[in-house]
Amino acid sequence: MTTRTIAGIVALLLLQGCSTAPRFEKNFGSSVRANLAAQTIDPRGAANANPAIGIDGPAARAAQERYQQSFIHPDGAASAPLLNTLGNGK
């Protein structure tokens, strides 16, 4: 074979790898969408207008206020055993 023929074949083989659209674009992001769908319990849950059953308004408000106050005034008894253990050097 001549040098021109070999150069032509090599050029065609090199150009075959070039394309304007990579192969991954067709399925790009499909794994993320599949993971999001797998984490959704009820896809139509946002359209449900029924209120949640199990707790009334005043109890929910009191629980939310206790939760917020736990950050303002943290309970010192919860971390006391850890501090005593570290303070004794044991």
N, C-alpha and C. Protein backbone atom coordinates (compact mmCIF):
# COMPACT_ATOMS: atom_id res chain seq x y z
N MET A 1 0.85 -1.17 0.00
CA MET A 1 0.00 0.00 0.00
C MET A 1 0.89 1.24 0.00
N THR A 2 0.35 2.23 -0.55
CA THR A 2 1.13 3.45 -0.63
C THR A 2 0.98 4.27 0.64
N THR A 3 1.84 5.23 0.75
CA THR A 3 1.83 6.10 1.91
C THR A 3 0.55 6.91 1.98
N ARG A 4 0.04 7.33 0.82
CA ARG A 4 -1.20 8.11 0.79
C ARG A 4 -2.38 7.27 1.27
N THR A 5 -2.43 6.03 0.89
CA THR A 5 -3.53 5.16 1.30
C THR A 5 -3.49 4.92 2.81
N ILE A 6 -2.31 4.66 3.31
CA ILE A 6 -2.16 4.44 4.76
C ILE A 6 -2.52 5.71 5.52
N ALA A 7 -2.08 6.87 5.04
CA ALA A 7 -2.40 8.14 5.70
C ALA A 7 -3.90 8.41 5.65
N GLY A 8 -4.54 8.06 4.54
CA GLY A 8 -6.00 8.25 4.42
C GLY A 8 -6.76 7.37 5.39
N ILE A 9 -6.34 6.12 5.52
CA ILE A 9 -6.99 5.19 6.45
C ILE A 9 -6.80 5.66 7.89
N VAL A 10 -5.60 6.09 8.23
CA VAL A 10 -5.33 6.60 9.58
C VAL A 10 -6.18 7.84 9.86
N ALA A 11 -6.28 8.73 8.88
CA ALA A 11 -7.08 9.95 9.06
C ALA A 11 -8.55 9.61 9.27
N LEU A 12 -9.07 8.65 8.50
CA LEU A 12 -10.46 8.24 8.68
C LEU A 12 -10.69 7.61 10.05
N LEU A 13 -9.75 6.80 10.49
CA LEU A 13 -9.89 6.18 11.82
C LEU A 13 -9.85 7.23 12.93
N LEU A 14 -8.99 8.23 12.78
CA LEU A 14 -8.92 9.29 13.79
C LEU A 14 -10.16 10.17 13.78
N LEU A 15 -10.69 10.45 12.61
CA LEU A 15 -11.89 11.29 12.52
C LEU A 15 -13.15 10.55 12.96
N GLN A 16 -13.12 9.24 12.96
CA GLN A 16 -14.27 8.47 13.38
C GLN A 16 -14.57 8.70 14.87
N GLY A 17 -13.54 8.95 15.65
CA GLY A 17 -13.73 9.20 17.08
C GLY A 17 -14.30 10.57 17.38
N CYS A 18 -14.21 11.49 16.42
CA CYS A 18 -14.72 12.85 16.63
C CYS A 18 -16.20 12.89 16.28
N SER A 19 -16.97 13.53 17.12
CA SER A 19 -18.39 13.76 16.82
C SER A 19 -18.81 15.05 17.49
N THR A 20 -19.89 15.62 17.03
CA THR A 20 -20.35 16.88 17.61
C THR A 20 -21.16 16.66 18.87
N ALA A 21 -21.77 15.49 19.02
CA ALA A 21 -22.57 15.20 20.21
C ALA A 21 -22.01 13.96 20.89
N PRO A 22 -21.48 14.11 22.10
CA PRO A 22 -20.99 12.94 22.82
C PRO A 22 -22.13 11.95 23.12
N ARG A 23 -21.77 10.70 23.30
CA ARG A 23 -22.77 9.67 23.53
C ARG A 23 -23.49 9.84 24.87
N PHE A 24 -22.86 10.46 25.87
CA PHE A 24 -23.49 10.55 27.18
C PHE A 24 -24.63 11.56 27.22
N GLU A 25 -24.76 12.44 26.24
CA GLU A 25 -25.81 13.44 26.28
C GLU A 25 -27.20 12.83 26.21
N LYS A 26 -27.34 11.68 25.57
CA LYS A 26 -28.66 11.07 25.43
C LYS A 26 -29.23 10.68 26.80
N ASN A 27 -28.39 10.19 27.68
CA ASN A 27 -28.85 9.74 29.00
C ASN A 27 -28.34 10.63 30.12
N PHE A 28 -27.88 11.82 29.80
CA PHE A 28 -27.28 12.69 30.81
C PHE A 28 -28.32 13.07 31.86
N GLY A 29 -28.04 12.80 33.12
CA GLY A 29 -28.93 13.14 34.21
C GLY A 29 -29.97 12.09 34.54
N SER A 30 -30.02 11.00 33.80
CA SER A 30 -31.05 9.99 34.05
C SER A 30 -30.84 9.31 35.40
N SER A 31 -29.60 9.14 35.83
CA SER A 31 -29.37 8.51 37.14
C SER A 31 -29.84 9.42 38.27
N VAL A 32 -29.67 10.72 38.12
CA VAL A 32 -30.15 11.65 39.15
C VAL A 32 -31.67 11.63 39.19
N ARG A 33 -32.32 11.64 38.04
CA ARG A 33 -33.78 11.59 38.02
C ARG A 33 -34.29 10.27 38.60
N ALA A 34 -33.60 9.17 38.33
CA ALA A 34 -34.01 7.88 38.88
C ALA A 34 -33.86 7.86 40.40
N ASN A 35 -32.78 8.45 40.91
CA ASN A 35 -32.59 8.50 42.36
C ASN A 35 -33.64 9.38 43.03
N LEU A 36 -33.98 10.51 42.43
CA LEU A 36 -35.02 11.37 42.98
C LEU A 36 -36.37 10.66 42.98
N ALA A 37 -36.67 9.94 41.92
CA ALA A 37 -37.93 9.21 41.86
C ALA A 37 -37.97 8.10 42.89
N ALA A 38 -36.84 7.46 43.15
CA ALA A 38 -36.80 6.38 44.14
C ALA A 38 -36.98 6.91 45.56
N GLN A 39 -36.65 8.17 45.80
CA GLN A 39 -36.78 8.76 47.13
C GLN A 39 -38.16 9.35 47.39
N THR A 40 -38.98 9.43 46.37
CA THR A 40 -40.31 10.02 46.51
C THR A 40 -41.29 8.93 46.92
N ILE A 41 -41.92 9.11 48.07
CA ILE A 41 -42.88 8.11 48.54
C ILE A 41 -44.18 8.23 47.77
N ASP A 42 -44.70 9.45 47.69
CA ASP A 42 -45.97 9.69 47.01
C ASP A 42 -45.79 10.86 46.05
N PRO A 43 -45.66 10.60 44.75
CA PRO A 43 -45.43 11.69 43.81
C PRO A 43 -46.59 12.68 43.75
N ARG A 44 -47.80 12.23 44.09
CA ARG A 44 -48.96 13.13 44.05
C ARG A 44 -49.29 13.70 45.42
N GLY A 45 -48.37 13.61 46.37
CA GLY A 45 -48.62 14.08 47.73
C GLY A 45 -48.85 15.58 47.84
N ALA A 46 -48.23 16.37 46.98
CA ALA A 46 -48.40 17.81 47.04
C ALA A 46 -49.81 18.23 46.67
N ALA A 47 -50.50 17.42 45.90
CA ALA A 47 -51.87 17.75 45.48
C ALA A 47 -52.89 17.38 46.55
N ASN A 48 -52.50 16.68 47.61
CA ASN A 48 -53.41 16.27 48.67
C ASN A 48 -53.75 17.47 49.55
N ALA A 49 -55.02 17.84 49.57
CA ALA A 49 -55.47 18.99 50.35
C ALA A 49 -55.96 18.60 51.74
N ASN A 50 -56.00 17.31 52.05
CA ASN A 50 -56.47 16.87 53.37
C ASN A 50 -55.42 17.18 54.43
N PRO A 51 -55.86 17.65 55.59
CA PRO A 51 -54.89 17.93 56.65
C PRO A 51 -54.32 16.65 57.24
N ALA A 52 -53.17 16.77 57.85
CA ALA A 52 -52.55 15.61 58.49
C ALA A 52 -53.37 15.20 59.71
N ILE A 53 -53.46 13.91 59.92
CA ILE A 53 -54.24 13.39 61.04
C ILE A 53 -53.28 12.93 62.12
N GLY A 54 -53.60 13.22 63.38
CA GLY A 54 -52.79 12.70 64.45
C GLY A 54 -52.40 13.72 65.50
N ILE A 55 -52.41 15.00 65.20
CA ILE A 55 -52.05 16.01 66.18
C ILE A 55 -52.89 17.25 65.91
N ASP A 56 -53.38 17.86 67.00
CA ASP A 56 -54.19 19.05 66.82
C ASP A 56 -53.31 20.30 66.79
N GLY A 57 -53.89 21.42 66.47
CA GLY A 57 -53.16 22.66 66.31
C GLY A 57 -52.41 23.12 67.55
N PRO A 58 -53.07 23.21 68.72
CA PRO A 58 -52.35 23.67 69.93
C PRO A 58 -51.19 22.76 70.32
N ALA A 59 -51.34 21.46 70.18
CA ALA A 59 -50.25 20.55 70.53
C ALA A 59 -49.09 20.72 69.55
N ALA A 60 -49.39 20.91 68.29
CA ALA A 60 -48.34 21.11 67.30
C ALA A 60 -47.61 22.42 67.56
N ARG A 61 -48.36 23.47 67.92
CA ARG A 61 -47.73 24.76 68.21
C ARG A 61 -46.83 24.66 69.43
N ALA A 62 -47.29 23.96 70.47
CA ALA A 62 -46.48 23.80 71.69
C ALA A 62 -45.21 22.99 71.40
N ALA A 63 -45.33 21.97 70.57
CA ALA A 63 -44.15 21.16 70.24
C ALA A 63 -43.15 22.00 69.44
N GLN A 64 -43.64 22.81 68.53
CA GLN A 64 -42.76 23.67 67.75
C GLN A 64 -42.08 24.70 68.63
N GLU A 65 -42.81 25.28 69.58
CA GLU A 65 -42.21 26.27 70.49
C GLU A 65 -41.15 25.63 71.40
N ARG A 66 -41.43 24.40 71.90
CA ARG A 66 -40.42 23.70 72.71
C ARG A 66 -39.18 23.41 71.88
N TYR A 67 -39.37 23.05 70.63
CA TYR A 67 -38.24 22.78 69.75
C TYR A 67 -37.40 24.04 69.55
N GLN A 68 -38.05 25.16 69.29
CA GLN A 68 -37.32 26.42 69.09
C GLN A 68 -36.62 26.85 70.38
N GLN A 69 -37.26 26.68 71.53
CA GLN A 69 -36.66 27.07 72.81
C GLN A 69 -35.47 26.17 73.17
N SER A 70 -35.45 24.96 72.63
CA SER A 70 -34.33 24.07 72.95
C SER A 70 -33.01 24.60 72.39
N PHE A 71 -33.07 25.45 71.39
CA PHE A 71 -31.86 26.04 70.85
C PHE A 71 -31.46 27.30 71.61
N ILE A 72 -32.45 27.99 72.17
CA ILE A 72 -32.17 29.21 72.94
C ILE A 72 -31.65 28.84 74.33
N HIS A 73 -32.31 27.87 74.96
CA HIS A 73 -31.94 27.42 76.31
C HIS A 73 -31.68 25.91 76.24
N PRO A 74 -30.49 25.49 75.82
CA PRO A 74 -30.23 24.05 75.72
C PRO A 74 -30.22 23.38 77.09
N ASP A 75 -30.58 22.12 77.09
CA ASP A 75 -30.63 21.34 78.32
C ASP A 75 -29.21 20.95 78.71
N GLY A 76 -28.72 21.42 79.86
CA GLY A 76 -27.36 21.13 80.30
C GLY A 76 -27.20 19.70 80.78
N ALA A 77 -28.27 19.04 81.19
CA ALA A 77 -28.18 17.67 81.71
C ALA A 77 -27.83 16.68 80.59
N ALA A 78 -28.17 17.00 79.37
CA ALA A 78 -27.91 16.06 78.27
C ALA A 78 -26.42 15.91 78.02
N SER A 79 -25.64 16.97 78.17
CA SER A 79 -24.22 16.88 77.89
C SER A 79 -23.38 16.70 79.15
N ALA A 80 -23.99 16.67 80.34
CA ALA A 80 -23.25 16.56 81.59
C ALA A 80 -22.46 15.26 81.71
N PRO A 81 -23.00 14.08 81.38
CA PRO A 81 -22.19 12.87 81.51
C PRO A 81 -20.94 12.89 80.62
N LEU A 82 -21.05 13.44 79.46
CA LEU A 82 -19.91 13.51 78.56
C LEU A 82 -18.86 14.43 79.14
N LEU A 83 -19.26 15.56 79.68
CA LEU A 83 -18.31 16.51 80.26
C LEU A 83 -17.65 15.93 81.50
N ASN A 84 -18.41 15.22 82.33
CA ASN A 84 -17.83 14.61 83.54
C ASN A 84 -16.82 13.55 83.16
N THR A 85 -17.10 12.77 82.14
CA THR A 85 -16.18 11.72 81.72
C THR A 85 -14.90 12.33 81.20
N LEU A 86 -15.02 13.38 80.42
CA LEU A 86 -13.82 14.00 79.88
C LEU A 86 -13.07 14.78 80.97
N GLY A 87 -13.80 15.35 81.92
CA GLY A 87 -13.16 16.12 82.98
C GLY A 87 -12.38 15.26 83.95
N ASN A 88 -12.77 14.03 84.18
CA ASN A 88 -12.10 13.15 85.13
C ASN A 88 -10.82 12.56 84.54
N GLY A 89 -10.65 12.65 83.24
CA GLY A 89 -9.46 12.11 82.59
C GLY A 89 -9.50 10.60 82.44
N LYS A 90 -10.66 10.01 82.57
CA LYS A 90 -10.79 8.54 82.45
C LYS A 90 -11.01 8.14 81.04
